[in-house]
């Protein structure tokens, strides 16, 4: 279990770079959010890859993240691979905190054009990206697998820094 206590609004959220030691927690968070979760070993390699940017969302003094964002940066573009906040803490603005910090990190790495993909029907994620100026630019049919075997489209989104 990721949390041992109930979320307290007085808990201070902060964002910090991910480390390889977070891989098991990242895998658990990803499994909570996606039908095809990434394995801890894969996440460990991703976090260590110099082309990746990974940020964790931490509450108070916790050593393990309650959310994370992971992107691949190539030249002046970044593909936002995933952003996850544990279900129990969703709807509290923590995704905005995480994404704002992650976008700042991507900008610091020189990324000017950002590309996330969002599962069709994931209204909170789409709204989050739109809050930060992302626009829908396309669609990939049958991209995401659902637990029941169905496949749903991905919305392609993009934001270009001024």
N, C-alpha and C. Protein backbone atom coordinates (compact mmCIF):
# COMPACT_ATOMS: atom_id res chain seq x y z
N UNK A 1 0.83 -1.17 0.00
CA UNK A 1 0.00 0.00 0.00
C UNK A 1 0.88 1.24 0.00
N UNK A 2 0.53 2.19 -0.81
CA UNK A 2 1.36 3.39 -0.98
C UNK A 2 1.20 4.33 0.21
N UNK A 3 -0.01 4.48 0.74
CA UNK A 3 -0.24 5.40 1.85
C UNK A 3 -0.61 4.65 3.11
N UNK A 4 -0.12 5.14 4.21
CA UNK A 4 -0.45 4.53 5.49
C UNK A 4 -1.41 5.41 6.28
N UNK A 5 -1.64 6.62 5.77
CA UNK A 5 -2.57 7.51 6.46
C UNK A 5 -3.48 8.17 5.44
N UNK A 6 -4.61 8.59 5.91
CA UNK A 6 -5.56 9.27 5.06
C UNK A 6 -5.02 10.63 4.66
N UNK A 7 -5.27 11.04 3.41
CA UNK A 7 -4.77 12.33 2.92
C UNK A 7 -5.28 13.47 3.77
N UNK A 8 -4.38 14.28 4.22
CA UNK A 8 -4.68 15.45 5.04
C UNK A 8 -4.37 16.68 4.20
N UNK A 9 -5.33 17.57 4.06
CA UNK A 9 -5.13 18.76 3.23
C UNK A 9 -3.95 19.60 3.70
N UNK A 10 -3.53 19.42 4.94
CA UNK A 10 -2.39 20.19 5.43
C UNK A 10 -1.07 19.57 4.95
N UNK A 11 -1.12 18.36 4.38
CA UNK A 11 0.09 17.73 3.87
C UNK A 11 0.62 18.56 2.70
N UNK A 12 1.91 18.78 2.68
CA UNK A 12 2.52 19.60 1.65
C UNK A 12 2.94 18.72 0.48
N UNK A 13 2.46 19.07 -0.70
CA UNK A 13 2.83 18.34 -1.91
C UNK A 13 4.02 19.04 -2.56
N UNK A 14 4.97 18.24 -3.02
CA UNK A 14 6.09 18.80 -3.78
C UNK A 14 6.49 17.82 -4.87
N UNK A 15 7.16 18.33 -5.88
CA UNK A 15 7.59 17.53 -7.01
C UNK A 15 9.10 17.48 -7.00
N UNK A 16 9.64 16.28 -7.21
CA UNK A 16 11.09 16.07 -7.24
C UNK A 16 11.42 15.03 -8.30
N UNK A 17 12.64 15.05 -8.82
CA UNK A 17 13.02 14.06 -9.83
C UNK A 17 12.89 12.63 -9.30
N UNK A 18 12.49 11.75 -10.21
CA UNK A 18 12.37 10.34 -9.86
C UNK A 18 13.75 9.70 -9.78
N UNK A 19 13.84 8.66 -8.96
CA UNK A 19 15.07 7.88 -8.82
C UNK A 19 14.73 6.42 -9.10
N UNK A 20 15.74 5.63 -9.43
CA UNK A 20 15.54 4.21 -9.71
C UNK A 20 14.87 3.50 -8.54
N UNK A 21 15.16 3.94 -7.33
CA UNK A 21 14.58 3.30 -6.14
C UNK A 21 13.06 3.45 -6.05
N UNK A 22 12.48 4.32 -6.87
CA UNK A 22 11.02 4.51 -6.88
C UNK A 22 10.31 3.54 -7.81
N UNK A 23 11.05 2.72 -8.56
CA UNK A 23 10.48 1.91 -9.64
C UNK A 23 9.30 1.04 -9.21
N UNK A 24 9.39 0.38 -8.07
CA UNK A 24 8.29 -0.50 -7.64
C UNK A 24 7.02 0.30 -7.35
N UNK A 25 7.18 1.45 -6.72
CA UNK A 25 6.02 2.30 -6.45
C UNK A 25 5.44 2.83 -7.75
N UNK A 26 6.30 3.22 -8.68
CA UNK A 26 5.82 3.71 -9.98
C UNK A 26 5.02 2.63 -10.70
N UNK A 27 5.51 1.40 -10.66
CA UNK A 27 4.80 0.30 -11.30
C UNK A 27 3.42 0.09 -10.66
N UNK A 28 3.34 0.20 -9.35
CA UNK A 28 2.05 0.04 -8.66
C UNK A 28 1.09 1.17 -9.04
N UNK A 29 1.60 2.39 -9.11
CA UNK A 29 0.77 3.53 -9.51
C UNK A 29 0.28 3.35 -10.95
N UNK A 30 1.18 2.93 -11.82
CA UNK A 30 0.81 2.75 -13.24
C UNK A 30 -0.22 1.63 -13.38
N UNK A 31 -0.06 0.56 -12.61
CA UNK A 31 -1.01 -0.56 -12.67
C UNK A 31 -2.40 -0.14 -12.18
N UNK A 32 -2.44 0.80 -11.26
CA UNK A 32 -3.72 1.29 -10.75
C UNK A 32 -4.46 2.07 -11.83
N UNK A 33 -3.73 2.67 -12.76
CA UNK A 33 -4.33 3.58 -13.73
C UNK A 33 -4.52 2.99 -15.12
N UNK A 34 -3.76 1.95 -15.48
CA UNK A 34 -3.78 1.47 -16.86
C UNK A 34 -3.97 -0.04 -16.92
N UNK A 35 -4.68 -0.49 -17.97
CA UNK A 35 -4.95 -1.91 -18.16
C UNK A 35 -3.67 -2.68 -18.52
N UNK A 36 -2.73 -2.01 -19.15
CA UNK A 36 -1.44 -2.63 -19.50
C UNK A 36 -0.34 -1.88 -18.78
N UNK A 37 -0.13 -2.22 -17.53
CA UNK A 37 0.85 -1.46 -16.74
C UNK A 37 2.29 -1.78 -17.12
N UNK A 38 3.15 -0.82 -16.85
CA UNK A 38 4.58 -1.01 -17.05
C UNK A 38 5.17 -1.72 -15.85
N UNK A 39 6.19 -2.50 -16.10
CA UNK A 39 6.86 -3.27 -15.05
C UNK A 39 7.91 -2.41 -14.36
N UNK A 40 8.20 -2.74 -13.11
CA UNK A 40 9.18 -1.98 -12.32
C UNK A 40 10.53 -1.95 -13.00
N UNK A 41 10.96 -3.07 -13.57
CA UNK A 41 12.27 -3.10 -14.21
C UNK A 41 12.33 -2.14 -15.39
N UNK A 42 11.24 -2.05 -16.16
CA UNK A 42 11.19 -1.13 -17.29
C UNK A 42 11.21 0.32 -16.81
N UNK A 43 10.47 0.59 -15.76
CA UNK A 43 10.45 1.94 -15.21
C UNK A 43 11.81 2.33 -14.64
N UNK A 44 12.49 1.39 -14.04
CA UNK A 44 13.83 1.67 -13.51
C UNK A 44 14.77 2.10 -14.64
N UNK A 45 14.72 1.39 -15.78
CA UNK A 45 15.54 1.77 -16.93
C UNK A 45 15.11 3.12 -17.50
N UNK A 46 13.81 3.36 -17.55
CA UNK A 46 13.32 4.64 -18.09
C UNK A 46 13.81 5.81 -17.24
N UNK A 47 13.71 5.66 -15.94
CA UNK A 47 14.13 6.74 -15.03
C UNK A 47 15.62 7.01 -15.18
N UNK A 48 16.40 5.98 -15.45
CA UNK A 48 17.85 6.13 -15.57
C UNK A 48 18.28 6.65 -16.95
N UNK A 49 17.42 6.57 -17.94
CA UNK A 49 17.75 6.98 -19.30
C UNK A 49 17.92 8.50 -19.39
N UNK A 50 19.06 8.98 -19.90
CA UNK A 50 19.28 10.43 -19.96
C UNK A 50 18.32 11.17 -20.91
N UNK A 51 17.65 10.44 -21.80
CA UNK A 51 16.68 11.08 -22.69
C UNK A 51 15.31 11.22 -22.03
N UNK A 52 15.16 10.69 -20.84
CA UNK A 52 13.88 10.74 -20.15
C UNK A 52 13.89 11.83 -19.09
N UNK A 53 12.72 12.36 -18.83
CA UNK A 53 12.52 13.28 -17.71
C UNK A 53 11.42 12.69 -16.86
N UNK A 54 11.71 12.43 -15.60
CA UNK A 54 10.74 11.83 -14.69
C UNK A 54 10.62 12.62 -13.42
N UNK A 55 9.40 12.96 -13.07
CA UNK A 55 9.13 13.71 -11.84
C UNK A 55 8.11 12.98 -11.00
N UNK A 56 8.37 12.94 -9.71
CA UNK A 56 7.46 12.32 -8.77
C UNK A 56 6.74 13.36 -7.94
N UNK A 57 5.52 13.05 -7.57
CA UNK A 57 4.72 13.89 -6.69
C UNK A 57 4.78 13.26 -5.30
N UNK A 58 5.26 14.01 -4.34
CA UNK A 58 5.46 13.51 -2.98
C UNK A 58 4.65 14.34 -2.00
N UNK A 59 4.12 13.70 -0.98
CA UNK A 59 3.40 14.40 0.07
C UNK A 59 4.27 14.47 1.31
N UNK A 60 4.34 15.64 1.88
CA UNK A 60 5.10 15.88 3.11
C UNK A 60 6.49 15.26 3.01
N UNK A 61 6.80 14.39 3.94
CA UNK A 61 8.14 13.80 3.97
C UNK A 61 8.20 12.39 3.40
N UNK A 62 7.18 11.99 2.68
CA UNK A 62 7.15 10.64 2.12
C UNK A 62 8.33 10.43 1.18
N UNK A 63 8.91 9.26 1.23
CA UNK A 63 10.04 8.93 0.35
C UNK A 63 9.57 8.27 -0.94
N UNK A 64 8.30 7.91 -1.01
CA UNK A 64 7.75 7.28 -2.21
C UNK A 64 6.69 8.20 -2.81
N UNK A 65 6.66 8.28 -4.14
CA UNK A 65 5.71 9.19 -4.79
C UNK A 65 4.27 8.67 -4.74
N UNK A 66 3.35 9.62 -4.78
CA UNK A 66 1.92 9.28 -4.89
C UNK A 66 1.42 9.57 -6.30
N UNK A 67 2.34 9.99 -7.14
CA UNK A 67 2.05 10.24 -8.55
C UNK A 67 3.36 10.47 -9.27
N UNK A 68 3.30 10.43 -10.60
CA UNK A 68 4.51 10.72 -11.37
C UNK A 68 4.17 11.08 -12.80
N UNK A 69 5.12 11.76 -13.44
CA UNK A 69 5.05 12.09 -14.86
C UNK A 69 6.37 11.65 -15.48
N UNK A 70 6.28 11.11 -16.68
CA UNK A 70 7.47 10.61 -17.36
C UNK A 70 7.39 10.98 -18.83
N UNK A 71 8.45 11.58 -19.35
CA UNK A 71 8.50 12.02 -20.74
C UNK A 71 9.82 11.66 -21.38
N UNK A 72 9.79 11.51 -22.69
CA UNK A 72 11.01 11.30 -23.49
C UNK A 72 11.29 12.60 -24.22
N UNK A 73 12.52 13.10 -24.09
CA UNK A 73 12.91 14.35 -24.72
C UNK A 73 13.92 14.05 -25.82
N UNK A 74 13.61 14.55 -27.02
CA UNK A 74 14.51 14.43 -28.16
C UNK A 74 14.60 15.81 -28.81
N UNK A 75 15.81 16.36 -28.78
CA UNK A 75 16.06 17.71 -29.29
C UNK A 75 15.10 18.69 -28.63
N UNK A 76 14.25 19.35 -29.42
CA UNK A 76 13.35 20.35 -28.83
C UNK A 76 11.91 19.86 -28.71
N UNK A 77 11.73 18.54 -28.72
CA UNK A 77 10.39 17.96 -28.56
C UNK A 77 10.37 16.97 -27.41
N UNK A 78 9.20 16.83 -26.81
CA UNK A 78 9.03 15.86 -25.74
C UNK A 78 7.70 15.13 -25.93
N UNK A 79 7.75 13.83 -25.73
CA UNK A 79 6.54 13.02 -25.71
C UNK A 79 6.23 12.72 -24.25
N UNK A 80 5.11 13.19 -23.78
CA UNK A 80 4.70 12.90 -22.41
C UNK A 80 4.12 11.49 -22.44
N UNK A 81 4.85 10.57 -21.83
CA UNK A 81 4.48 9.15 -21.89
C UNK A 81 3.38 8.80 -20.91
N UNK A 82 3.43 9.39 -19.73
CA UNK A 82 2.41 9.08 -18.73
C UNK A 82 2.42 10.13 -17.64
N UNK A 83 1.26 10.33 -17.07
CA UNK A 83 1.11 11.12 -15.85
C UNK A 83 0.05 10.41 -15.02
N UNK A 84 0.38 10.15 -13.77
CA UNK A 84 -0.50 9.37 -12.90
C UNK A 84 -0.51 9.99 -11.51
N UNK A 85 -1.68 10.09 -10.93
CA UNK A 85 -1.84 10.42 -9.50
C UNK A 85 -2.71 9.31 -8.92
N UNK A 86 -2.30 8.77 -7.78
CA UNK A 86 -3.06 7.68 -7.18
C UNK A 86 -4.54 8.05 -7.09
N UNK A 87 -5.40 7.09 -7.36
CA UNK A 87 -6.86 7.34 -7.39
C UNK A 87 -7.38 8.04 -6.14
N UNK A 88 -6.86 7.61 -4.99
CA UNK A 88 -7.37 8.17 -3.73
C UNK A 88 -7.14 9.67 -3.59
N UNK A 89 -6.23 10.22 -4.36
CA UNK A 89 -5.91 11.64 -4.23
C UNK A 89 -6.33 12.46 -5.45
N UNK A 90 -6.98 11.82 -6.39
CA UNK A 90 -7.41 12.55 -7.58
C UNK A 90 -8.51 13.54 -7.23
N UNK A 91 -8.59 14.59 -8.03
CA UNK A 91 -9.61 15.61 -7.83
C UNK A 91 -9.24 16.65 -6.79
N UNK A 92 -7.99 16.69 -6.38
CA UNK A 92 -7.52 17.65 -5.36
C UNK A 92 -6.52 18.66 -5.90
N UNK A 93 -6.35 18.68 -7.23
CA UNK A 93 -5.43 19.62 -7.85
C UNK A 93 -3.98 19.17 -7.88
N UNK A 94 -3.72 17.95 -7.43
CA UNK A 94 -2.34 17.46 -7.41
C UNK A 94 -1.80 17.18 -8.80
N UNK A 95 -2.67 16.80 -9.72
CA UNK A 95 -2.24 16.59 -11.11
C UNK A 95 -1.74 17.89 -11.72
N UNK A 96 -2.41 19.01 -11.40
CA UNK A 96 -1.95 20.32 -11.88
C UNK A 96 -0.57 20.65 -11.32
N UNK A 97 -0.39 20.38 -10.03
CA UNK A 97 0.91 20.63 -9.39
C UNK A 97 2.00 19.82 -10.09
N UNK A 98 1.73 18.55 -10.31
CA UNK A 98 2.70 17.66 -10.94
C UNK A 98 2.98 18.09 -12.37
N UNK A 99 1.94 18.33 -13.16
CA UNK A 99 2.14 18.68 -14.56
C UNK A 99 2.85 20.02 -14.70
N UNK A 100 2.52 21.00 -13.88
CA UNK A 100 3.19 22.31 -13.96
C UNK A 100 4.70 22.15 -13.74
N UNK A 101 5.07 21.39 -12.73
CA UNK A 101 6.50 21.18 -12.45
C UNK A 101 7.16 20.38 -13.57
N UNK A 102 6.45 19.39 -14.08
CA UNK A 102 7.02 18.56 -15.15
C UNK A 102 7.22 19.39 -16.42
N UNK A 103 6.26 20.25 -16.75
CA UNK A 103 6.41 21.10 -17.93
C UNK A 103 7.59 22.05 -17.78
N UNK A 104 7.80 22.55 -16.57
CA UNK A 104 8.95 23.41 -16.32
C UNK A 104 10.25 22.64 -16.53
N UNK A 105 10.28 21.40 -16.10
CA UNK A 105 11.48 20.57 -16.28
C UNK A 105 11.73 20.31 -17.75
N UNK A 106 10.66 20.03 -18.51
CA UNK A 106 10.81 19.80 -19.94
C UNK A 106 11.33 21.04 -20.65
N UNK A 107 10.82 22.19 -20.26
CA UNK A 107 11.30 23.45 -20.84
C UNK A 107 12.78 23.66 -20.53
N UNK A 108 13.18 23.34 -19.30
CA UNK A 108 14.59 23.48 -18.91
C UNK A 108 15.49 22.55 -19.72
N UNK A 109 14.93 21.44 -20.19
CA UNK A 109 15.70 20.50 -21.02
C UNK A 109 15.65 20.91 -22.50
N UNK A 110 14.98 22.02 -22.81
CA UNK A 110 14.94 22.54 -24.17
C UNK A 110 13.74 22.13 -24.99
N UNK A 111 12.78 21.43 -24.41
CA UNK A 111 11.60 20.98 -25.15
C UNK A 111 10.66 22.16 -25.38
N UNK A 112 10.32 22.37 -26.63
CA UNK A 112 9.40 23.45 -27.00
C UNK A 112 8.05 22.94 -27.50
N UNK A 113 8.07 21.76 -28.10
CA UNK A 113 6.84 21.15 -28.59
C UNK A 113 6.60 19.88 -27.78
N UNK A 114 5.41 19.80 -27.18
CA UNK A 114 5.09 18.70 -26.27
C UNK A 114 3.92 17.91 -26.83
N UNK A 115 4.01 16.57 -26.71
CA UNK A 115 3.02 15.67 -27.31
C UNK A 115 2.54 14.63 -26.30
N UNK A 116 1.41 14.80 -25.69
CA UNK A 116 0.82 13.68 -24.92
C UNK A 116 -0.25 12.98 -25.76
N UNK A 117 -0.58 11.76 -25.36
CA UNK A 117 -1.72 11.03 -25.90
C UNK A 117 -2.63 10.71 -24.72
N UNK A 118 -3.92 10.88 -24.91
CA UNK A 118 -4.87 10.68 -23.82
C UNK A 118 -5.98 9.76 -24.28
N UNK A 119 -6.31 8.80 -23.43
CA UNK A 119 -7.38 7.86 -23.74
C UNK A 119 -8.70 8.60 -23.92
N UNK A 120 -9.38 8.28 -25.01
CA UNK A 120 -10.70 8.84 -25.26
C UNK A 120 -11.60 8.51 -24.07
N UNK A 121 -12.32 9.48 -23.58
CA UNK A 121 -13.19 9.26 -22.43
C UNK A 121 -12.53 9.65 -21.12
N UNK A 122 -11.24 9.96 -21.13
CA UNK A 122 -10.56 10.38 -19.90
C UNK A 122 -10.69 11.90 -19.79
N UNK A 123 -11.91 12.34 -19.49
CA UNK A 123 -12.21 13.78 -19.44
C UNK A 123 -11.31 14.55 -18.46
N UNK A 124 -11.02 14.01 -17.26
CA UNK A 124 -10.14 14.78 -16.35
C UNK A 124 -8.75 15.02 -16.94
N UNK A 125 -8.17 14.02 -17.60
CA UNK A 125 -6.83 14.20 -18.19
C UNK A 125 -6.88 15.19 -19.34
N UNK A 126 -7.89 15.08 -20.18
CA UNK A 126 -8.02 16.01 -21.31
C UNK A 126 -8.17 17.43 -20.77
N UNK A 127 -9.01 17.62 -19.77
CA UNK A 127 -9.20 18.95 -19.18
C UNK A 127 -7.90 19.46 -18.56
N UNK A 128 -7.16 18.59 -17.90
CA UNK A 128 -5.89 18.99 -17.31
C UNK A 128 -4.95 19.52 -18.38
N UNK A 129 -4.77 18.78 -19.45
CA UNK A 129 -3.89 19.23 -20.52
C UNK A 129 -4.40 20.52 -21.16
N UNK A 130 -5.71 20.63 -21.37
CA UNK A 130 -6.27 21.84 -21.96
C UNK A 130 -6.02 23.06 -21.06
N UNK A 131 -6.04 22.86 -19.74
CA UNK A 131 -5.74 23.94 -18.80
C UNK A 131 -4.35 24.52 -19.06
N UNK A 132 -3.43 23.67 -19.51
CA UNK A 132 -2.06 24.10 -19.78
C UNK A 132 -1.84 24.47 -21.25
N UNK A 133 -2.92 24.65 -22.00
CA UNK A 133 -2.79 25.13 -23.38
C UNK A 133 -2.58 24.06 -24.44
N UNK A 134 -2.79 22.79 -24.10
CA UNK A 134 -2.67 21.74 -25.10
C UNK A 134 -3.94 21.71 -25.95
N UNK A 135 -3.75 21.41 -27.23
CA UNK A 135 -4.87 21.30 -28.17
C UNK A 135 -4.91 19.89 -28.73
N UNK A 136 -6.11 19.41 -29.04
CA UNK A 136 -6.25 18.11 -29.71
C UNK A 136 -5.82 18.28 -31.16
N UNK A 137 -4.96 17.37 -31.61
CA UNK A 137 -4.43 17.48 -32.97
C UNK A 137 -4.73 16.24 -33.82
N UNK A 138 -5.23 15.20 -33.22
CA UNK A 138 -5.50 13.99 -33.98
C UNK A 138 -6.05 12.90 -33.09
N UNK A 139 -6.10 11.71 -33.68
CA UNK A 139 -6.73 10.59 -32.99
C UNK A 139 -6.12 9.29 -33.51
N UNK A 140 -5.89 8.35 -32.62
CA UNK A 140 -5.42 7.01 -32.99
C UNK A 140 -6.49 6.02 -32.58
N UNK A 141 -7.10 5.39 -33.54
CA UNK A 141 -8.16 4.43 -33.26
C UNK A 141 -7.58 3.18 -32.61
N UNK A 142 -8.32 2.62 -31.65
CA UNK A 142 -7.96 1.35 -31.04
C UNK A 142 -6.61 1.32 -30.34
N UNK A 143 -6.16 2.42 -29.83
CA UNK A 143 -4.81 2.53 -29.27
C UNK A 143 -4.70 1.94 -27.87
N UNK A 144 -5.69 2.21 -27.02
CA UNK A 144 -5.63 1.75 -25.63
C UNK A 144 -6.48 0.50 -25.43
N UNK A 145 -5.91 -0.47 -24.71
CA UNK A 145 -6.65 -1.69 -24.35
C UNK A 145 -7.36 -1.47 -23.02
N UNK A 146 -8.60 -1.89 -22.95
CA UNK A 146 -9.38 -1.82 -21.72
C UNK A 146 -9.34 -3.19 -21.04
N UNK A 147 -9.60 -3.24 -19.72
CA UNK A 147 -9.56 -4.54 -19.01
C UNK A 147 -10.50 -5.59 -19.60
N UNK A 148 -11.61 -5.15 -20.20
CA UNK A 148 -12.57 -6.11 -20.77
C UNK A 148 -12.21 -6.55 -22.19
N UNK A 149 -11.06 -6.10 -22.70
CA UNK A 149 -10.62 -6.50 -24.04
C UNK A 149 -10.95 -5.50 -25.14
N UNK A 150 -11.85 -4.56 -24.85
CA UNK A 150 -12.16 -3.53 -25.86
C UNK A 150 -10.93 -2.66 -26.09
N UNK A 151 -10.92 -1.97 -27.21
CA UNK A 151 -9.86 -1.02 -27.49
C UNK A 151 -10.51 0.33 -27.77
N UNK A 152 -9.91 1.38 -27.26
CA UNK A 152 -10.45 2.72 -27.45
C UNK A 152 -9.38 3.62 -28.05
N UNK A 153 -9.84 4.71 -28.62
CA UNK A 153 -8.96 5.65 -29.31
C UNK A 153 -8.13 6.48 -28.33
N UNK A 154 -7.04 7.00 -28.85
CA UNK A 154 -6.21 7.96 -28.13
C UNK A 154 -6.38 9.31 -28.82
N UNK A 155 -6.54 10.35 -28.02
CA UNK A 155 -6.52 11.71 -28.54
C UNK A 155 -5.08 12.17 -28.53
N UNK A 156 -4.59 12.62 -29.68
CA UNK A 156 -3.26 13.21 -29.76
C UNK A 156 -3.41 14.69 -29.41
N UNK A 157 -2.51 15.16 -28.59
CA UNK A 157 -2.57 16.56 -28.18
C UNK A 157 -1.18 17.17 -28.37
N UNK A 158 -1.15 18.50 -28.41
CA UNK A 158 0.13 19.16 -28.60
C UNK A 158 0.09 20.55 -28.01
N UNK A 159 1.27 20.97 -27.54
CA UNK A 159 1.45 22.35 -27.08
C UNK A 159 2.81 22.81 -27.59
N UNK A 160 2.82 24.01 -28.18
CA UNK A 160 4.05 24.59 -28.67
C UNK A 160 4.34 25.81 -27.82
N UNK A 161 5.55 25.84 -27.25
CA UNK A 161 5.95 26.97 -26.39
C UNK A 161 6.12 28.22 -27.27
N UNK A 162 5.76 29.37 -26.72
CA UNK A 162 5.91 30.61 -27.49
C UNK A 162 7.37 30.96 -27.74
